[in-house]
C-alpha atoms as a PDB file:
ATOM      1  CA  MET A   1     -31.316  -1.100   9.884  1.00  0.00           C
ATOM      2  CA  LYS A   2     -29.578   2.233  10.183  1.00  0.00           C
ATOM      3  CA  ALA A   3     -25.856   2.080  10.452  1.00  0.00           C
ATOM      4  CA  ASN A   4     -24.005   3.621  13.485  1.00  0.00           C
ATOM      5  CA  GLU A   5     -20.645   3.474  15.126  1.00  0.00           C
ATOM      6  CA  HIS A   6     -21.639   0.280  16.962  1.00  0.00           C
ATOM      7  CA  ASN A   7     -23.059  -1.830  14.092  1.00  0.00           C
ATOM      8  CA  PHE A   8     -21.433  -0.657  10.822  1.00  0.00           C
ATOM      9  CA  ILE A   9     -18.847  -3.460  10.871  1.00  0.00           C
ATOM     10  CA  ASP A  10     -21.403  -6.104  11.325  1.00  0.00           C
ATOM     11  CA  LEU A  11     -23.494  -4.582   8.513  1.00  0.00           C
ATOM     12  CA  ILE A  12     -20.560  -4.673   6.163  1.00  0.00           C
ATOM     13  CA  LYS A  13     -19.891  -8.390   7.131  1.00  0.00           C
ATOM     14  CA  LYS A  14     -23.557  -9.084   6.346  1.00  0.00           C
ATOM     15  CA  ARG A  15     -22.998  -7.219   3.013  1.00  0.00           C
ATOM     16  CA  LYS A  16     -25.496  -4.583   3.889  1.00  0.00           C
ATOM     17  CA  GLU A  17     -24.808  -1.332   1.886  1.00  0.00           C
ATOM     18  CA  GLU A  18     -25.688   0.809   4.898  1.00  0.00           C
ATOM     19  CA  GLY A  19     -22.457  -0.260   6.535  1.00  0.00           C
ATOM     20  CA  ILE A  20     -20.150   0.912   3.750  1.00  0.00           C
ATOM     21  CA  LEU A  21     -22.140   4.083   3.210  1.00  0.00           C
ATOM     22  CA  TYR A  22     -21.465   4.810   6.957  1.00  0.00           C
ATOM     23  CA  VAL A  23     -17.720   4.319   6.412  1.00  0.00           C
ATOM     24  CA  ILE A  24     -17.782   6.639   3.375  1.00  0.00           C
ATOM     25  CA  ASP A  25     -19.620   9.378   5.367  1.00  0.00           C
ATOM     26  CA  THR A  26     -17.639   8.907   8.531  1.00  0.00           C
ATOM     27  CA  TYR A  27     -14.096   8.110   7.415  1.00  0.00           C
ATOM     28  CA  GLY A  28     -14.182   9.249   3.781  1.00  0.00           C
ATOM     29  CA  GLY A  29     -12.532  12.634   4.552  1.00  0.00           C
ATOM     30  CA  LEU A  30      -9.640  11.036   6.418  1.00  0.00           C
ATOM     31  CA  LEU A  31      -9.121   8.414   3.763  1.00  0.00           C
ATOM     32  CA  ASN A  32      -9.290  11.089   1.043  1.00  0.00           C
ATOM     33  CA  ALA A  33      -6.627  13.150   2.795  1.00  0.00           C
ATOM     34  CA  ILE A  34      -4.341  10.180   3.048  1.00  0.00           C
ATOM     35  CA  VAL A  35      -4.741   9.373  -0.635  1.00  0.00           C
ATOM     36  CA  LYS A  36      -4.324  13.055  -1.722  1.00  0.00           C
ATOM     37  CA  LYS A  37      -1.191  13.406   0.338  1.00  0.00           C
ATOM     38  CA  ARG A  38       0.402  10.439  -1.515  1.00  0.00           C
ATOM     39  CA  LEU A  39      -1.122  11.069  -4.956  1.00  0.00           C
ATOM     40  CA  PHE A  40      -0.448  14.825  -5.090  1.00  0.00           C
ATOM     41  CA  THR A  41       1.274  14.358  -8.377  1.00  0.00           C
ATOM     42  CA  ALA A  42      -1.776  12.606  -9.869  1.00  0.00           C
ATOM     43  CA  PRO A  43      -5.037  14.272  -8.640  1.00  0.00           C
ATOM     44  CA  ASP A  44      -6.925  12.492 -11.517  1.00  0.00           C
ATOM     45  CA  ARG A  45      -6.182   9.098  -9.854  1.00  0.00           C
ATOM     46  CA  VAL A  46      -7.564  10.003  -6.390  1.00  0.00           C
ATOM     47  CA  GLU A  47     -11.234   9.027  -7.082  1.00  0.00           C
ATOM     48  CA  GLU A  48     -10.232   5.647  -8.593  1.00  0.00           C
ATOM     49  CA  CYS A  49      -7.968   4.927  -5.636  1.00  0.00           C
ATOM     50  CA  MET A  50     -10.891   5.922  -3.154  1.00  0.00           C
ATOM     51  CA  ASN A  51     -13.141   3.410  -4.897  1.00  0.00           C
ATOM     52  CA  ASP A  52     -10.485   0.701  -4.556  1.00  0.00           C
ATOM     53  CA  ILE A  53     -10.083   1.584  -0.829  1.00  0.00           C
ATOM     54  CA  PHE A  54     -13.852   1.155  -0.145  1.00  0.00           C
ATOM     55  CA  LEU A  55     -13.920  -2.074  -2.254  1.00  0.00           C
ATOM     56  CA  GLY A  56     -10.914  -3.282  -0.236  1.00  0.00           C
ATOM     57  CA  ILE A  57     -12.709  -2.539   3.048  1.00  0.00           C
ATOM     58  CA  TRP A  58     -15.858  -4.266   1.740  1.00  0.00           C
ATOM     59  CA  LYS A  59     -13.954  -7.396   0.627  1.00  0.00           C
ATOM     60  CA  ASN A  60     -11.553  -7.672   3.532  1.00  0.00           C
ATOM     61  CA  ILE A  61     -13.727  -6.680   6.479  1.00  0.00           C
ATOM     62  CA  ASP A  62     -13.267 -10.215   7.938  1.00  0.00           C
ATOM     63  CA  SER A  63      -9.485  -9.495   8.448  1.00  0.00           C
ATOM     64  CA  PHE A  64     -10.293  -6.484  10.736  1.00  0.00           C
ATOM     65  CA  ASP A  65      -9.558  -7.440  14.325  1.00  0.00           C
ATOM     66  CA  GLU A  66     -10.720  -4.902  17.008  1.00  0.00           C
ATOM     67  CA  SER A  67      -8.228  -6.337  19.512  1.00  0.00           C
ATOM     68  CA  ARG A  68      -5.317  -5.194  17.177  1.00  0.00           C
ATOM     69  CA  GLY A  69      -6.491  -1.711  16.768  1.00  0.00           C
ATOM     70  CA  SER A  70      -9.203   0.688  15.768  1.00  0.00           C
ATOM     71  CA  PHE A  71     -11.163   0.544  12.563  1.00  0.00           C
ATOM     72  CA  GLU A  72      -9.953   4.003  11.716  1.00  0.00           C
ATOM     73  CA  GLY A  73      -6.356   2.829  11.925  1.00  0.00           C
ATOM     74  CA  TRP A  74      -7.049  -0.253   9.874  1.00  0.00           C
ATOM     75  CA  ALA A  75      -8.931   1.657   7.155  1.00  0.00           C
ATOM     76  CA  ALA A  76      -6.071   4.261   7.082  1.00  0.00           C
ATOM     77  CA  GLY A  77      -3.520   1.388   6.535  1.00  0.00           C
ATOM     78  CA  ILE A  78      -5.630   0.145   3.629  1.00  0.00           C
ATOM     79  CA  ALA A  79      -5.703   3.602   2.187  1.00  0.00           C
ATOM     80  CA  ARG A  80      -1.873   4.056   2.400  1.00  0.00           C
ATOM     81  CA  LEU A  81      -1.350   0.663   0.761  1.00  0.00           C
ATOM     82  CA  GLU A  82      -3.777   1.362  -1.991  1.00  0.00           C
ATOM     83  CA  ALA A  83      -2.191   4.726  -2.730  1.00  0.00           C
ATOM     84  CA  ILE A  84       1.174   3.049  -2.925  1.00  0.00           C
ATOM     85  CA  ASP A  85      -0.227   0.440  -5.316  1.00  0.00           C
ATOM     86  CA  THR A  86      -1.718   3.226  -7.380  1.00  0.00           C
ATOM     87  CA  LEU A  87       1.705   4.949  -7.551  1.00  0.00           C
ATOM     88  CA  ARG A  88       3.266   1.607  -8.592  1.00  0.00           C
ATOM     89  CA  LYS A  89       0.691   1.222 -11.361  1.00  0.00           C
ATOM     90  CA  MET A  90       1.465   4.675 -12.544  1.00  0.00           C
ATOM     91  CA  LYS A  91       5.138   4.055 -12.559  1.00  0.00           C
ATOM     92  CA  ARG A  92       4.767   0.775 -14.583  1.00  0.00           C
ATOM     93  CA  GLU A  93       2.509   2.631 -17.043  1.00  0.00           C
ATOM     94  CA  LEU A  94       5.065   5.237 -17.577  1.00  0.00           C
ATOM     95  CA  GLN A  95       7.919   2.753 -17.945  1.00  0.00           C
ATOM     96  CA  THR A  96       6.164   0.584 -20.493  1.00  0.00           C
ATOM     97  CA  ILE A  97       6.944   3.014 -23.214  1.00  0.00           C
ATOM     98  CA  SER A  98      10.552   2.408 -24.395  1.00  0.00           C
ATOM     99  CA  ILE A  99      12.357   5.631 -25.009  1.00  0.00           C
ATOM    100  CA  GLU A 100      14.205   4.128 -27.876  1.00  0.00           C
ATOM    101  CA  ASP A 101      10.882   3.232 -29.580  1.00  0.00           C
ATOM    102  CA  MET A 102       9.838   6.856 -29.440  1.00  0.00           C
ATOM    103  CA  ASP A 103      10.702   9.343 -32.201  1.00  0.00           C
ATOM    104  CA  MET A 104       9.779  12.284 -30.014  1.00  0.00           C
ATOM    105  CA  GLU A 105      11.168  13.752 -26.881  1.00  0.00           C
ATOM    106  CA  ILE A 106       9.355  13.226 -23.569  1.00  0.00           C
ATOM    107  CA  PRO A 107       7.759  16.390 -22.318  1.00  0.00           C
ATOM    108  CA  GLU A 108       9.594  17.978 -19.281  1.00  0.00           C
ATOM    109  CA  GLU A 109       6.461  17.630 -17.099  1.00  0.00           C
ATOM    110  CA  GLU A 110       6.184  13.839 -17.632  1.00  0.00           C
ATOM    111  CA  THR A 111       9.789  13.423 -16.744  1.00  0.00           C
ATOM    112  CA  SER A 112       9.304  15.434 -13.588  1.00  0.00           C
ATOM    113  CA  PHE A 113       6.133  13.537 -12.865  1.00  0.00           C
ATOM    114  CA  LEU A 114       8.007  10.226 -13.056  1.00  0.00           C
ATOM    115  CA  LYS A 115      10.766  11.543 -10.755  1.00  0.00           C
ATOM    116  CA  LEU A 116       8.120  12.675  -8.258  1.00  0.00           C
ATOM    117  CA  THR A 117       6.316   9.372  -8.415  1.00  0.00           C
ATOM    118  CA  GLU A 118       9.614   7.542  -7.743  1.00  0.00           C
ATOM    119  CA  GLN A 119      10.420   9.801  -4.825  1.00  0.00           C
ATOM    120  CA  GLU A 120       7.052   9.282  -3.337  1.00  0.00           C
ATOM    121  CA  LEU A 121       7.300   5.570  -3.703  1.00  0.00           C
ATOM    122  CA  SER A 122      10.856   5.570  -2.281  1.00  0.00           C
ATOM    123  CA  LYS A 123       9.638   7.680   0.755  1.00  0.00           C
ATOM    124  CA  GLU A 124       6.752   5.353   1.326  1.00  0.00           C
ATOM    125  CA  THR A 125       8.983   2.290   1.126  1.00  0.00           C
ATOM    126  CA  GLU A 126      11.451   3.742   3.574  1.00  0.00           C
ATOM    127  CA  GLU A 127       8.620   4.615   6.003  1.00  0.00           C
ATOM    128  CA  ILE A 128       7.381   1.018   5.820  1.00  0.00           C
ATOM    129  CA  LEU A 129      10.825  -0.618   6.193  1.00  0.00           C
ATOM    130  CA  ALA A 130      11.735   1.773   9.136  1.00  0.00           C
ATOM    131  CA  CYS A 131      10.068  -0.728  11.529  1.00  0.00           C
ATOM    132  CA  LEU A 132      12.557  -3.347  10.673  1.00  0.00           C
ATOM    133  CA  LYS A 133      16.173  -3.854  11.913  1.00  0.00           C
ATOM    134  CA  PRO A 134      18.794  -2.404   9.538  1.00  0.00           C
ATOM    135  CA  LYS A 135      20.002  -5.771   8.275  1.00  0.00           C
ATOM    136  CA  ASP A 136      16.363  -6.877   7.649  1.00  0.00           C
ATOM    137  CA  GLN A 137      15.648  -3.591   5.778  1.00  0.00           C
ATOM    138  CA  GLU A 138      18.603  -4.301   3.465  1.00  0.00           C
ATOM    139  CA  LEU A 139      17.360  -7.922   3.001  1.00  0.00           C
ATOM    140  CA  PHE A 140      13.895  -6.634   2.056  1.00  0.00           C
ATOM    141  CA  ARG A 141      15.387  -3.992  -0.335  1.00  0.00           C
ATOM    142  CA  ARG A 142      17.436  -6.682  -2.051  1.00  0.00           C
ATOM    143  CA  ILE A 143      14.683  -9.185  -2.446  1.00  0.00           C
ATOM    144  CA  PHE A 144      11.642  -6.977  -3.038  1.00  0.00           C
ATOM    145  CA  LEU A 145      13.063  -3.965  -4.638  1.00  0.00           C
ATOM    146  CA  ASN A 146      16.151  -5.176  -6.453  1.00  0.00           C
ATOM    147  CA  GLU A 147      14.430  -8.570  -7.205  1.00  0.00           C
ATOM    148  CA  GLU A 148      17.427 -10.617  -6.053  1.00  0.00           C
ATOM    149  CA  GLU A 149      16.825 -14.302  -5.179  1.00  0.00           C
ATOM    150  CA  PRO A 150      16.500 -14.831  -1.474  1.00  0.00           C
ATOM    151  CA  GLU A 151      19.578 -17.137  -1.408  1.00  0.00           C
ATOM    152  CA  GLU A 152      21.618 -14.522  -3.319  1.00  0.00           C
ATOM    153  CA  ALA A 153      20.619 -11.742  -0.961  1.00  0.00           C
ATOM    154  CA  GLY A 154      21.287 -13.903   2.030  1.00  0.00           C
ATOM    155  CA  GLU A 155      24.706 -14.866   0.873  1.00  0.00           C
ATOM    156  CA  ALA A 156      25.582 -11.183   0.218  1.00  0.00           C
ATOM    157  CA  LEU A 157      24.537 -10.331   3.730  1.00  0.00           C
ATOM    158  CA  GLY A 158      26.116 -13.401   5.394  1.00  0.00           C
ATOM    159  CA  ILE A 159      22.739 -14.899   6.333  1.00  0.00           C
ATOM    160  CA  SER A 160      21.855 -18.591   5.931  1.00  0.00           C
ATOM    161  CA  ARG A 161      19.218 -19.611   3.512  1.00  0.00           C
ATOM    162  CA  ASP A 162      16.757 -20.852   6.305  1.00  0.00           C
ATOM    163  CA  ASN A 163      17.441 -17.575   8.312  1.00  0.00           C
ATOM    164  CA  VAL A 164      16.636 -15.548   5.153  1.00  0.00           C
ATOM    165  CA  TYR A 165      13.084 -17.047   5.046  1.00  0.00           C
ATOM    166  CA  VAL A 166      12.553 -16.671   8.803  1.00  0.00           C
ATOM    167  CA  ARG A 167      13.587 -12.960   8.587  1.00  0.00           C
ATOM    168  CA  ILE A 168      11.278 -12.376   5.615  1.00  0.00           C
ATOM    169  CA  PHE A 169       8.373 -14.026   7.453  1.00  0.00           C
ATOM    170  CA  ARG A 170       8.909 -12.068  10.681  1.00  0.00           C
ATOM    171  CA  GLY A 171       9.505  -8.851   8.795  1.00  0.00           C
ATOM    172  CA  LYS A 172       6.212  -9.194   6.870  1.00  0.00           C
ATOM    173  CA  GLN A 173       4.387  -9.953  10.127  1.00  0.00           C
ATOM    174  CA  LYS A 174       5.932  -6.769  11.738  1.00  0.00           C
ATOM    175  CA  ILE A 175       5.020  -4.613   8.704  1.00  0.00           C
ATOM    176  CA  ARG A 176       1.430  -6.088   8.683  1.00  0.00           C
ATOM    177  CA  SER A 177       0.979  -5.382  12.403  1.00  0.00           C
ATOM    178  CA  LYS A 178       2.151  -1.748  12.009  1.00  0.00           C
ATOM    179  CA  PHE A 179       0.381  -0.967   8.739  1.00  0.00           C
ATOM    180  CA  GLY A 180      -2.570  -3.364   8.737  1.00  0.00           C
ATOM    181  CA  GLU A 181      -3.022  -6.478   6.715  1.00  0.00           C
ATOM    182  CA  ARG A 182      -4.729  -6.367   3.277  1.00  0.00           C
ATOM    183  CA  LYS A 183      -5.740  -9.485   1.498  1.00  0.00           C
ATOM    184  CA  ARG A 184      -5.797  -9.454  -2.298  1.00  0.00           C
ATOM    185  CA  ALA A 185      -9.017 -10.487  -3.883  1.00  0.00           C
END
């Protein structure tokens, strides 16, 4: 069966290669542009990230809901999140080498690359958190970025323990609805 705009989702759900090939041909340019925008500091990681995006679409097609938005928006959300994950992986890789353990200086371009990566991650994080109320943004920063315990973060913000978990749950729902849900395989 030949894939087209009306049947490619069903083909992917039935695990037919024609469906994902249609996605690559039709949406590949858009997804590539999204990835290149976020990974401009690491063009060598774009192809790997694109492969992860198509694999994510393949594995998580059942979470796509037409009533919540277009396939294009859903796939773009997956691309944004996968690019952010790639940046996080790169940041972890750069941070695993302890400066004290090294007898040589870090080249200037690697230092600037790390700064650019951190800036891009920070910008993406702020973009994602912007859909939340200011108090919830601070709660998410404390718990997910600063790795504070939820109870500790709630106490600092004057929020009860139960309310912290409610705010986290609702905040995650709001973020998922805006940026598309992606299940981990």
